[in-house]
Full PDB file with SEQRES, HELIX, SHEET, SSBOND, CRYST1, ORIGX, SCALE, CONECT and MASTER records, all heavy atoms in Angstrom:
SEQRES   1 A   30  THR SER GLU PRO HIS GLY ARG ALA GLY ALA PHE ALA ILE          
SEQRES   2 A   30  GLN ASP ILE GLY MET GLN PHE ILE LYS ARG ILE ASP GLY          
SEQRES   3 A   30  ASN LEU SER THR                                              
HELIX    1 AA1 GLU A    3  GLY A    6  5                                   4    
HELIX    2 AA2 ALA A    8  ALA A   10  5                                   3    
HELIX    3 AA3 ILE A   16  PHE A   20  5                                   5    
CRYST1    1.000    1.000    1.000  90.00  90.00  90.00 P 1           1          
ORIGX1      1.000000  0.000000  0.000000        0.00000                         
ORIGX2      0.000000  1.000000  0.000000        0.00000                         
ORIGX3      0.000000  0.000000  1.000000        0.00000                         
SCALE1      1.000000  0.000000  0.000000        0.00000                         
SCALE2      0.000000  1.000000  0.000000        0.00000                         
SCALE3      0.000000  0.000000  1.000000        0.00000                         
ATOM      1  N   THR A   1     157.868  83.934 176.058  1.00  0.00           N  
ATOM      2  CA  THR A   1     158.763  83.808 177.219  1.00  0.00           C  
ATOM      3  C   THR A   1     158.038  83.218 178.426  1.00  0.00           C  
ATOM      4  O   THR A   1     158.675  82.867 179.423  1.00  0.00           O  
ATOM      5  CB  THR A   1     159.335  85.175 177.627  1.00  0.00           C  
ATOM      6  OG1 THR A   1     158.282  86.001 178.159  1.00  0.00           O  
ATOM      7  CG2 THR A   1     159.997  85.873 176.457  1.00  0.00           C  
ATOM      8  N   SER A   2     156.705  83.147 178.363  1.00  0.00           N  
ATOM      9  CA  SER A   2     155.830  82.649 179.441  1.00  0.00           C  
ATOM     10  C   SER A   2     155.672  83.633 180.593  1.00  0.00           C  
ATOM     11  O   SER A   2     154.876  83.388 181.502  1.00  0.00           O  
ATOM     12  CB  SER A   2     156.330  81.303 180.003  1.00  0.00           C  
ATOM     13  OG  SER A   2     156.298  80.306 179.005  1.00  0.00           O  
ATOM     14  N   GLU A   3     156.377  84.744 180.586  1.00  0.00           N  
ATOM     15  CA  GLU A   3     156.264  85.695 181.691  1.00  0.00           C  
ATOM     16  C   GLU A   3     154.851  86.271 181.850  1.00  0.00           C  
ATOM     17  O   GLU A   3     154.369  86.406 182.987  1.00  0.00           O  
ATOM     18  CB  GLU A   3     157.270  86.834 181.510  1.00  0.00           C  
ATOM     19  CG  GLU A   3     157.261  87.825 182.662  1.00  0.00           C  
ATOM     20  CD  GLU A   3     158.385  88.850 182.558  1.00  0.00           C  
ATOM     21  OE1 GLU A   3     159.494  88.526 183.031  1.00  0.00           O  
ATOM     22  OE2 GLU A   3     158.164  89.939 181.991  1.00  0.00           O  
ATOM     23  N   PRO A   4     154.149  86.613 180.766  1.00  0.00           N  
ATOM     24  CA  PRO A   4     152.830  87.229 180.943  1.00  0.00           C  
ATOM     25  C   PRO A   4     151.794  86.341 181.623  1.00  0.00           C  
ATOM     26  O   PRO A   4     150.837  86.844 182.210  1.00  0.00           O  
ATOM     27  CB  PRO A   4     152.403  87.560 179.505  1.00  0.00           C  
ATOM     28  CG  PRO A   4     153.675  87.685 178.744  1.00  0.00           C  
ATOM     29  CD  PRO A   4     154.573  86.636 179.354  1.00  0.00           C  
ATOM     30  N   HIS A   5     151.972  85.032 181.586  1.00  0.00           N  
ATOM     31  CA  HIS A   5     150.917  84.122 182.051  1.00  0.00           C  
ATOM     32  C   HIS A   5     150.681  84.208 183.555  1.00  0.00           C  
ATOM     33  O   HIS A   5     149.563  83.995 184.013  1.00  0.00           O  
ATOM     34  CB  HIS A   5     151.253  82.689 181.646  1.00  0.00           C  
ATOM     35  CG  HIS A   5     151.306  82.493 180.164  1.00  0.00           C  
ATOM     36  ND1 HIS A   5     150.190  82.586 179.370  1.00  0.00           N  
ATOM     37  CD2 HIS A   5     152.339  82.246 179.319  1.00  0.00           C  
ATOM     38  CE1 HIS A   5     150.526  82.389 178.102  1.00  0.00           C  
ATOM     39  NE2 HIS A   5     151.836  82.191 178.045  1.00  0.00           N  
ATOM     40  N   GLY A   6     151.684  84.524 184.328  1.00  0.00           N  
ATOM     41  CA  GLY A   6     151.498  84.583 185.767  1.00  0.00           C  
ATOM     42  C   GLY A   6     151.472  85.996 186.314  1.00  0.00           C  
ATOM     43  O   GLY A   6     151.664  86.203 187.517  1.00  0.00           O  
ATOM     44  N   ARG A   7     151.212  86.978 185.458  1.00  0.00           N  
ATOM     45  CA  ARG A   7     151.298  88.376 185.878  1.00  0.00           C  
ATOM     46  C   ARG A   7     149.989  89.109 185.619  1.00  0.00           C  
ATOM     47  O   ARG A   7     149.412  89.012 184.532  1.00  0.00           O  
ATOM     48  CB  ARG A   7     152.426  89.088 185.128  1.00  0.00           C  
ATOM     49  CG  ARG A   7     153.751  88.344 185.140  1.00  0.00           C  
ATOM     50  CD  ARG A   7     154.303  88.140 186.536  1.00  0.00           C  
ATOM     51  NE  ARG A   7     155.551  87.398 186.520  1.00  0.00           N  
ATOM     52  CZ  ARG A   7     156.714  87.896 186.933  1.00  0.00           C  
ATOM     53  NH1 ARG A   7     156.774  89.124 187.394  1.00  0.00           N  
ATOM     54  NH2 ARG A   7     157.809  87.154 186.893  1.00  0.00           N  
ATOM     55  N   ALA A   8     149.549  89.839 186.615  1.00  0.00           N  
ATOM     56  CA  ALA A   8     148.363  90.667 186.440  1.00  0.00           C  
ATOM     57  C   ALA A   8     148.607  91.675 185.329  1.00  0.00           C  
ATOM     58  O   ALA A   8     149.640  92.340 185.290  1.00  0.00           O  
ATOM     59  CB  ALA A   8     148.030  91.392 187.742  1.00  0.00           C  
ATOM     60  N   GLY A   9     147.666  91.756 184.400  1.00  0.00           N  
ATOM     61  CA  GLY A   9     147.826  92.662 183.274  1.00  0.00           C  
ATOM     62  C   GLY A   9     148.721  92.128 182.186  1.00  0.00           C  
ATOM     63  O   GLY A   9     148.954  92.790 181.183  1.00  0.00           O  
ATOM     64  N   ALA A  10     149.263  90.928 182.379  1.00  0.00           N  
ATOM     65  CA  ALA A  10     150.091  90.231 181.377  1.00  0.00           C  
ATOM     66  C   ALA A  10     151.473  90.835 181.181  1.00  0.00           C  
ATOM     67  O   ALA A  10     152.117  90.604 180.163  1.00  0.00           O  
ATOM     68  CB  ALA A  10     149.368  90.142 180.024  1.00  0.00           C  
ATOM     69  N   PHE A  11     151.954  91.608 182.181  1.00  0.00           N  
ATOM     70  CA  PHE A  11     153.312  92.123 182.046  1.00  0.00           C  
ATOM     71  C   PHE A  11     153.954  92.261 183.419  1.00  0.00           C  
ATOM     72  O   PHE A  11     153.274  92.342 184.440  1.00  0.00           O  
ATOM     73  CB  PHE A  11     153.337  93.466 181.312  1.00  0.00           C  
ATOM     74  CG  PHE A  11     152.766  94.617 182.101  1.00  0.00           C  
ATOM     75  CD1 PHE A  11     153.593  95.436 182.856  1.00  0.00           C  
ATOM     76  CD2 PHE A  11     151.408  94.890 182.081  1.00  0.00           C  
ATOM     77  CE1 PHE A  11     153.082  96.497 183.580  1.00  0.00           C  
ATOM     78  CE2 PHE A  11     150.878  95.955 182.801  1.00  0.00           C  
ATOM     79  CZ  PHE A  11     151.719  96.757 183.554  1.00  0.00           C  
ATOM     80  N   ALA A  12     155.284  92.260 183.421  1.00  0.00           N  
ATOM     81  CA  ALA A  12     156.057  92.435 184.649  1.00  0.00           C  
ATOM     82  C   ALA A  12     157.085  93.535 184.420  1.00  0.00           C  
ATOM     83  O   ALA A  12     157.936  93.418 183.540  1.00  0.00           O  
ATOM     84  CB  ALA A  12     156.741  91.130 185.045  1.00  0.00           C  
ATOM     85  N   ILE A  13     157.010  94.563 185.222  1.00  0.00           N  
ATOM     86  CA  ILE A  13     157.906  95.701 185.039  1.00  0.00           C  
ATOM     87  C   ILE A  13     159.356  95.354 185.363  1.00  0.00           C  
ATOM     88  O   ILE A  13     160.292  95.861 184.751  1.00  0.00           O  
ATOM     89  CB  ILE A  13     157.418  96.876 185.909  1.00  0.00           C  
ATOM     90  CG1 ILE A  13     156.219  97.532 185.231  1.00  0.00           C  
ATOM     91  CG2 ILE A  13     158.523  97.896 186.158  1.00  0.00           C  
ATOM     92  CD1 ILE A  13     155.622  98.668 186.000  1.00  0.00           C  
ATOM     93  N   GLN A  14     159.556  94.455 186.335  1.00  0.00           N  
ATOM     94  CA  GLN A  14     160.902  94.237 186.859  1.00  0.00           C  
ATOM     95  C   GLN A  14     161.682  93.154 186.136  1.00  0.00           C  
ATOM     96  O   GLN A  14     162.866  92.984 186.396  1.00  0.00           O  
ATOM     97  CB  GLN A  14     160.824  93.895 188.360  1.00  0.00           C  
ATOM     98  CG  GLN A  14     160.226  92.535 188.656  1.00  0.00           C  
ATOM     99  CD  GLN A  14     158.702  92.533 188.692  1.00  0.00           C  
ATOM    100  OE1 GLN A  14     158.064  93.439 188.178  1.00  0.00           O  
ATOM    101  NE2 GLN A  14     158.120  91.512 189.291  1.00  0.00           N  
ATOM    102  N   ASP A  15     161.055  92.420 185.245  1.00  0.00           N  
ATOM    103  CA  ASP A  15     161.747  91.303 184.597  1.00  0.00           C  
ATOM    104  C   ASP A  15     161.860  91.553 183.096  1.00  0.00           C  
ATOM    105  O   ASP A  15     162.232  92.644 182.677  1.00  0.00           O  
ATOM    106  CB  ASP A  15     161.028  89.989 184.922  1.00  0.00           C  
ATOM    107  CG  ASP A  15     161.163  89.613 186.388  1.00  0.00           C  
ATOM    108  OD1 ASP A  15     162.275  89.703 186.920  1.00  0.00           O  
ATOM    109  OD2 ASP A  15     160.161  89.226 187.007  1.00  0.00           O  
ATOM    110  N   ILE A  16     161.564  90.566 182.288  1.00  0.00           N  
ATOM    111  CA  ILE A  16     161.711  90.716 180.836  1.00  0.00           C  
ATOM    112  C   ILE A  16     160.886  91.879 180.318  1.00  0.00           C  
ATOM    113  O   ILE A  16     161.300  92.615 179.423  1.00  0.00           O  
ATOM    114  CB  ILE A  16     161.296  89.405 180.132  1.00  0.00           C  
ATOM    115  CG1 ILE A  16     162.186  88.250 180.593  1.00  0.00           C  
ATOM    116  CG2 ILE A  16     161.370  89.561 178.615  1.00  0.00           C  
ATOM    117  CD1 ILE A  16     161.707  86.884 180.126  1.00  0.00           C  
ATOM    118  N   GLY A  17     159.720  92.061 180.916  1.00  0.00           N  
ATOM    119  CA  GLY A  17     158.817  93.113 180.460  1.00  0.00           C  
ATOM    120  C   GLY A  17     159.349  94.517 180.622  1.00  0.00           C  
ATOM    121  O   GLY A  17     158.791  95.466 180.060  1.00  0.00           O  
ATOM    122  N   MET A  18     160.434  94.677 181.371  1.00  0.00           N  
ATOM    123  CA  MET A  18     161.006  96.009 181.585  1.00  0.00           C  
ATOM    124  C   MET A  18     161.328  96.710 180.266  1.00  0.00           C  
ATOM    125  O   MET A  18     161.221  97.938 180.158  1.00  0.00           O  
ATOM    126  CB  MET A  18     162.265  95.892 182.437  1.00  0.00           C  
ATOM    127  CG  MET A  18     162.902  97.220 182.812  1.00  0.00           C  
ATOM    128  SD  MET A  18     164.391  97.010 183.824  1.00  0.00           S  
ATOM    129  CE  MET A  18     163.670  96.384 185.342  1.00  0.00           C  
ATOM    130  N   GLN A  19     161.715  95.967 179.262  1.00  0.00           N  
ATOM    131  CA  GLN A  19     162.102  96.580 177.992  1.00  0.00           C  
ATOM    132  C   GLN A  19     160.920  97.160 177.224  1.00  0.00           C  
ATOM    133  O   GLN A  19     161.098  97.865 176.229  1.00  0.00           O  
ATOM    134  CB  GLN A  19     162.835  95.553 177.119  1.00  0.00           C  
ATOM    135  CG  GLN A  19     162.012  94.327 176.768  1.00  0.00           C  
ATOM    136  CD  GLN A  19     162.888  93.198 176.251  1.00  0.00           C  
ATOM    137  OE1 GLN A  19     163.415  93.278 175.139  1.00  0.00           O  
ATOM    138  NE2 GLN A  19     163.056  92.156 177.054  1.00  0.00           N  
ATOM    139  N   PHE A  20     159.688  96.862 177.699  1.00  0.00           N  
ATOM    140  CA  PHE A  20     158.497  97.394 177.043  1.00  0.00           C  
ATOM    141  C   PHE A  20     157.831  98.508 177.856  1.00  0.00           C  
ATOM    142  O   PHE A  20     156.723  98.924 177.523  1.00  0.00           O  
ATOM    143  CB  PHE A  20     157.488  96.269 176.790  1.00  0.00           C  
ATOM    144  CG  PHE A  20     157.997  95.197 175.873  1.00  0.00           C  
ATOM    145  CD1 PHE A  20     158.185  93.903 176.335  1.00  0.00           C  
ATOM    146  CD2 PHE A  20     158.305  95.482 174.548  1.00  0.00           C  
ATOM    147  CE1 PHE A  20     158.667  92.913 175.493  1.00  0.00           C  
ATOM    148  CE2 PHE A  20     158.786  94.503 173.703  1.00  0.00           C  
ATOM    149  CZ  PHE A  20     158.978  93.214 174.173  1.00  0.00           C  
ATOM    150  N   ILE A  21     158.501  98.985 178.909  1.00  0.00           N  
ATOM    151  CA  ILE A  21     157.924 100.022 179.750  1.00  0.00           C  
ATOM    152  C   ILE A  21     158.390 101.396 179.272  1.00  0.00           C  
ATOM    153  O   ILE A  21     159.584 101.689 179.216  1.00  0.00           O  
ATOM    154  CB  ILE A  21     158.321  99.820 181.222  1.00  0.00           C  
ATOM    155  CG1 ILE A  21     157.870  98.441 181.701  1.00  0.00           C  
ATOM    156  CG2 ILE A  21     157.707 100.923 182.087  1.00  0.00           C  
ATOM    157  CD1 ILE A  21     156.387  98.182 181.570  1.00  0.00           C  
ATOM    158  N   LYS A  22     157.436 102.235 178.940  1.00  0.00           N  
ATOM    159  CA  LYS A  22     157.733 103.584 178.482  1.00  0.00           C  
ATOM    160  C   LYS A  22     157.947 104.535 179.648  1.00  0.00           C  
ATOM    161  O   LYS A  22     158.853 105.381 179.629  1.00  0.00           O  
ATOM    162  CB  LYS A  22     156.583 104.081 177.602  1.00  0.00           C  
ATOM    163  CG  LYS A  22     156.774 105.463 177.008  1.00  0.00           C  
ATOM    164  CD  LYS A  22     155.593 105.801 176.100  1.00  0.00           C  
ATOM    165  CE  LYS A  22     155.778 107.139 175.408  1.00  0.00           C  
ATOM    166  NZ  LYS A  22     154.606 107.432 174.514  1.00  0.00           N  
ATOM    167  N   ARG A  23     157.112 104.387 180.682  1.00  0.00           N  
ATOM    168  CA  ARG A  23     157.185 105.311 181.808  1.00  0.00           C  
ATOM    169  C   ARG A  23     156.491 104.711 183.025  1.00  0.00           C  
ATOM    170  O   ARG A  23     155.529 103.951 182.874  1.00  0.00           O  
ATOM    171  CB  ARG A  23     156.505 106.635 181.446  1.00  0.00           C  
ATOM    172  CG  ARG A  23     156.404 107.632 182.583  1.00  0.00           C  
ATOM    173  CD  ARG A  23     155.827 108.947 182.121  1.00  0.00           C  
ATOM    174  NE  ARG A  23     155.608 109.850 183.250  1.00  0.00           N  
ATOM    175  CZ  ARG A  23     155.242 111.119 183.140  1.00  0.00           C  
ATOM    176  NH1 ARG A  23     155.071 111.644 181.948  1.00  0.00           N  
ATOM    177  NH2 ARG A  23     155.047 111.857 184.219  1.00  0.00           N  
ATOM    178  N   ILE A  24     157.006 105.039 184.208  1.00  0.00           N  
ATOM    179  CA  ILE A  24     156.296 104.714 185.436  1.00  0.00           C  
ATOM    180  C   ILE A  24     156.187 105.969 186.292  1.00  0.00           C  
ATOM    181  O   ILE A  24     157.075 106.817 186.272  1.00  0.00           O  
ATOM    182  CB  ILE A  24     156.971 103.579 186.241  1.00  0.00           C  
ATOM    183  CG1 ILE A  24     158.379 103.973 186.690  1.00  0.00           C  
ATOM    184  CG2 ILE A  24     156.990 102.286 185.458  1.00  0.00           C  
ATOM    185  CD1 ILE A  24     158.999 102.980 187.661  1.00  0.00           C  
ATOM    186  N   ASP A  25     155.097 106.095 186.997  1.00  0.00           N  
ATOM    187  CA  ASP A  25     154.881 107.188 187.938  1.00  0.00           C  
ATOM    188  C   ASP A  25     154.493 106.567 189.277  1.00  0.00           C  
ATOM    189  O   ASP A  25     153.468 105.904 189.377  1.00  0.00           O  
ATOM    190  CB  ASP A  25     153.767 108.122 187.457  1.00  0.00           C  
ATOM    191  CG  ASP A  25     154.150 108.882 186.196  1.00  0.00           C  
ATOM    192  OD1 ASP A  25     155.269 109.426 186.166  1.00  0.00           O  
ATOM    193  OD2 ASP A  25     153.343 108.923 185.255  1.00  0.00           O  
ATOM    194  N   GLY A  26     155.326 106.794 190.277  1.00  0.00           N  
ATOM    195  CA  GLY A  26     155.070 106.209 191.586  1.00  0.00           C  
ATOM    196  C   GLY A  26     156.316 105.527 192.111  1.00  0.00           C  
ATOM    197  O   GLY A  26     157.365 105.515 191.468  1.00  0.00           O  
ATOM    198  N   ASN A  27     156.197 104.941 193.273  1.00  0.00           N  
ATOM    199  CA  ASN A  27     157.330 104.267 193.889  1.00  0.00           C  
ATOM    200  C   ASN A  27     157.583 102.932 193.202  1.00  0.00           C  
ATOM    201  O   ASN A  27     156.653 102.135 193.015  1.00  0.00           O  
ATOM    202  CB  ASN A  27     157.054 104.065 195.382  1.00  0.00           C  
ATOM    203  CG  ASN A  27     158.248 103.483 196.101  1.00  0.00           C  
ATOM    204  OD1 ASN A  27     158.434 102.278 196.111  1.00  0.00           O  
ATOM    205  ND2 ASN A  27     159.057 104.332 196.690  1.00  0.00           N  
ATOM    206  N   LEU A  28     158.817 102.679 192.834  1.00  0.00           N  
ATOM    207  CA  LEU A  28     159.139 101.460 192.092  1.00  0.00           C  
ATOM    208  C   LEU A  28     158.799 100.206 192.889  1.00  0.00           C  
ATOM    209  O   LEU A  28     158.300  99.221 192.334  1.00  0.00           O  
ATOM    210  CB  LEU A  28     160.621 101.456 191.709  1.00  0.00           C  
ATOM    211  CG  LEU A  28     161.112 100.249 190.912  1.00  0.00           C  
ATOM    212  CD1 LEU A  28     160.330 100.085 189.619  1.00  0.00           C  
ATOM    213  CD2 LEU A  28     162.603 100.369 190.622  1.00  0.00           C  
ATOM    214  N   SER A  29     159.045 100.222 194.200  1.00  0.00           N  
ATOM    215  CA  SER A  29     158.746  99.027 194.992  1.00  0.00           C  
ATOM    216  C   SER A  29     157.252  98.741 195.020  1.00  0.00           C  
ATOM    217  O   SER A  29     156.826  97.581 195.031  1.00  0.00           O  
ATOM    218  CB  SER A  29     159.293  99.173 196.418  1.00  0.00           C  
ATOM    219  OG  SER A  29     158.637 100.201 197.135  1.00  0.00           O  
ATOM    220  N   THR A  30     156.439  99.788 195.004  1.00  0.00           N  
ATOM    221  CA  THR A  30     154.985  99.609 194.929  1.00  0.00           C  
ATOM    222  C   THR A  30     154.595  98.937 193.623  1.00  0.00           C  
ATOM    223  O   THR A  30     153.789  98.002 193.588  1.00  0.00           O  
ATOM    224  CB  THR A  30     154.270 100.971 195.044  1.00  0.00           C  
ATOM    225  OG1 THR A  30     154.449 101.472 196.361  1.00  0.00           O  
ATOM    226  CG2 THR A  30     152.791 100.851 194.743  1.00  0.00           C  
TER     227      THR A  30                                                      
MASTER        0    0    0    3    0    0    0    6  226    1    0    3          
END                                                                             
């Protein structure tokens, strides 16, 4: 999808990568 190439850690929580997120702890905007 090319999304990982411009993202630190190779993933983006708010876009396509959201479907691979198991859990987040902290403020979403952060």
